[in-house]
Protein backbone atom coordinates (compact mmCIF):
# COMPACT_ATOMS: atom_id res chain seq x y z
CA MET A 1 157.88 14.71 100.64
CA THR A 2 159.60 18.32 99.43
CA ASP A 3 162.02 20.14 101.01
CA GLU A 4 161.19 23.23 102.97
CA LYS A 5 160.53 25.40 99.21
CA GLY A 6 158.58 22.93 97.70
CA HIS A 7 161.21 20.56 95.54
CA ALA A 8 160.90 16.84 95.39
CA LEU A 9 162.71 14.90 97.78
CA SER A 10 164.45 11.14 96.22
CA ASN A 11 163.60 9.87 99.64
CA GLN A 12 159.93 10.12 99.79
CA TYR A 13 159.34 7.87 103.26
CA ALA A 14 157.92 10.01 106.22
CA GLN A 15 159.45 8.98 109.77
CA ILE A 16 156.78 9.10 112.17
CA GLY A 17 157.40 11.08 115.40
CA TYR A 18 160.85 11.91 114.27
CA PRO A 19 161.02 15.88 115.72
CA LYS A 20 161.85 17.32 112.15
CA ARG A 21 159.34 19.22 110.46
CA LYS A 22 158.12 17.02 107.37
CA TYR A 23 156.82 18.48 103.80
CA PHE A 24 154.93 17.68 101.45
CA ARG A 25 152.37 18.56 98.40
CA LEU A 26 148.52 17.17 98.19
CA ASN A 27 147.63 16.62 94.51
CA GLY A 28 143.87 16.95 93.43
CA HIS A 29 141.10 18.10 95.87
CA TYR A 30 140.25 17.24 99.43
CA LYS A 31 137.01 17.97 101.69
CA VAL A 32 138.55 20.63 104.52
CA LEU A 33 136.44 18.95 108.02
CA GLN A 34 137.82 21.82 110.27
CA ASN A 35 139.83 24.71 109.71
CA ASN A 36 141.16 26.00 113.34
CA GLY A 37 143.48 28.54 111.96
CA ASP A 38 146.99 26.53 112.56
CA THR A 39 145.80 23.08 111.53
CA MET A 40 143.44 21.39 109.28
CA GLU A 41 141.61 18.68 108.87
CA ILE A 42 140.97 16.92 105.69
CA GLU A 43 139.64 13.66 104.07
CA VAL A 44 141.92 11.23 102.50
CA ASN A 45 140.54 8.05 100.98
CA GLY A 46 137.61 8.38 103.64
CA GLU A 47 139.55 9.05 106.62
CA PRO A 48 140.40 12.81 108.88
CA VAL A 49 143.48 14.01 108.65
CA SER A 50 145.73 16.59 110.19
CA ILE A 51 148.02 18.72 108.91
CA GLN A 52 149.74 22.22 109.95
């Protein structure tokens, strides 16, 4: 988890469903399954993950 400028946060737990926008960094290479402009679906550990 990072702040909006990409600086790592000490609290690394996301609150799912919480309306505040979350920021994070992905390290490594991920297969892009779909790219719809403002949203993208990537494969992480064999599972599809949607990101915006």
